[in-house]
Amino acid sequence: MKPGIHPQYHMIKVVMTDKTEFFTRSTYGSPGDTLNLDIDPTTHPAWTGGSQQLLDRGGRLSRFNSRFGGLSFGKK
């Protein structure tokens, strides 16, 4: 490995959205910095199994459905 080209790897504190915290090694910031998470596995729907909703912003979804809603894509 070439010297001087790799980022510094050090300990930081990570604070989750529910205020729990843990220490880990990272290249984020400088030694002793705190990383406050906005989204984490305890709140994100991808990990909690929350329901997804399609939001129709500006009529894009309805416009798509009106143009391509009749296509069957090989179904009989």
Protein backbone atom coordinates (compact mmCIF):
# COMPACT_ATOMS: atom_id res chain seq x y z
CA MET A 1 0.00 0.00 0.00
CA LYS A 2 1.20 3.49 -0.79
CA PRO A 3 1.80 5.64 2.30
CA GLY A 4 -0.15 8.88 2.72
CA ILE A 5 -3.05 8.18 0.32
CA HIS A 6 -5.45 6.36 2.64
CA PRO A 7 -7.92 8.20 4.92
CA GLN A 8 -7.34 8.10 8.67
CA TYR A 9 -9.26 5.28 10.39
CA HIS A 10 -10.28 6.18 13.96
CA MET A 11 -12.96 5.82 16.67
CA ILE A 12 -16.18 7.91 16.46
CA LYS A 13 -19.47 7.93 18.38
CA VAL A 14 -22.68 7.16 16.45
CA VAL A 15 -25.98 8.43 17.89
CA MET A 16 -29.12 6.69 16.61
CA THR A 17 -32.52 8.40 16.24
CA ASP A 18 -33.72 6.95 19.57
CA LYS A 19 -30.66 8.49 21.31
CA THR A 20 -28.85 5.18 21.78
CA GLU A 21 -25.19 5.47 21.00
CA PHE A 22 -22.24 3.24 20.24
CA PHE A 23 -18.61 3.61 19.27
CA THR A 24 -17.18 2.32 16.02
CA ARG A 25 -14.18 2.79 13.79
CA SER A 26 -14.68 4.99 10.73
CA THR A 27 -13.04 7.40 8.31
CA TYR A 28 -15.77 9.99 9.08
CA GLY A 29 -14.54 13.30 10.55
CA SER A 30 -11.74 13.24 13.07
CA PRO A 31 -11.09 11.12 16.15
CA GLY A 32 -13.80 11.56 18.78
CA ASP A 33 -16.39 13.15 16.44
CA THR A 34 -20.10 12.33 16.77
CA LEU A 35 -22.21 11.13 13.84
CA ASN A 36 -25.94 11.82 14.43
CA LEU A 37 -28.13 9.62 12.24
CA ASP A 38 -31.38 10.92 10.70
CA ILE A 39 -32.46 7.47 9.50
CA ASP A 40 -31.37 4.20 11.04
CA PRO A 41 -32.48 0.54 11.07
CA THR A 42 -34.87 1.16 13.99
CA THR A 43 -36.92 3.73 12.04
CA HIS A 44 -36.47 3.06 8.31
CA PRO A 45 -39.32 1.15 6.60
CA ALA A 46 -36.87 -1.09 4.74
CA TRP A 47 -35.86 -2.68 8.05
CA THR A 48 -39.06 -2.25 10.08
CA GLY A 49 -41.42 -3.66 7.42
CA GLY A 50 -43.46 -0.47 7.15
CA SER A 51 -45.87 0.00 4.30
CA GLN A 52 -44.81 1.83 1.19
CA GLN A 53 -47.03 4.36 -0.51
CA LEU A 54 -46.81 5.64 -4.05
CA LEU A 55 -47.12 9.38 -4.00
CA ASP A 56 -48.55 10.99 -7.11
CA ARG A 57 -46.65 14.23 -7.41
CA GLY A 58 -47.71 16.41 -10.29
CA GLY A 59 -49.88 13.73 -11.86
CA ARG A 60 -46.95 11.60 -12.98
CA LEU A 61 -48.39 8.33 -11.71
CA SER A 62 -51.83 8.97 -13.18
CA ARG A 63 -50.26 10.07 -16.48
CA PHE A 64 -48.18 6.87 -16.57
CA ASN A 65 -51.23 4.73 -15.82
CA SER A 66 -53.29 6.45 -18.52
CA ARG A 67 -50.57 5.86 -21.12
CA PHE A 68 -49.48 2.35 -20.18
CA GLY A 69 -52.30 0.97 -18.01
CA GLY A 70 -53.73 -1.16 -20.80
CA LEU A 71 -50.53 -3.08 -21.50
CA SER A 72 -50.61 -6.71 -20.45
CA PHE A 73 -46.88 -7.57 -20.80
CA GLY A 74 -47.59 -11.10 -22.06
CA LYS A 75 -50.37 -11.98 -19.61
CA LYS A 76 -53.48 -13.61 -21.04
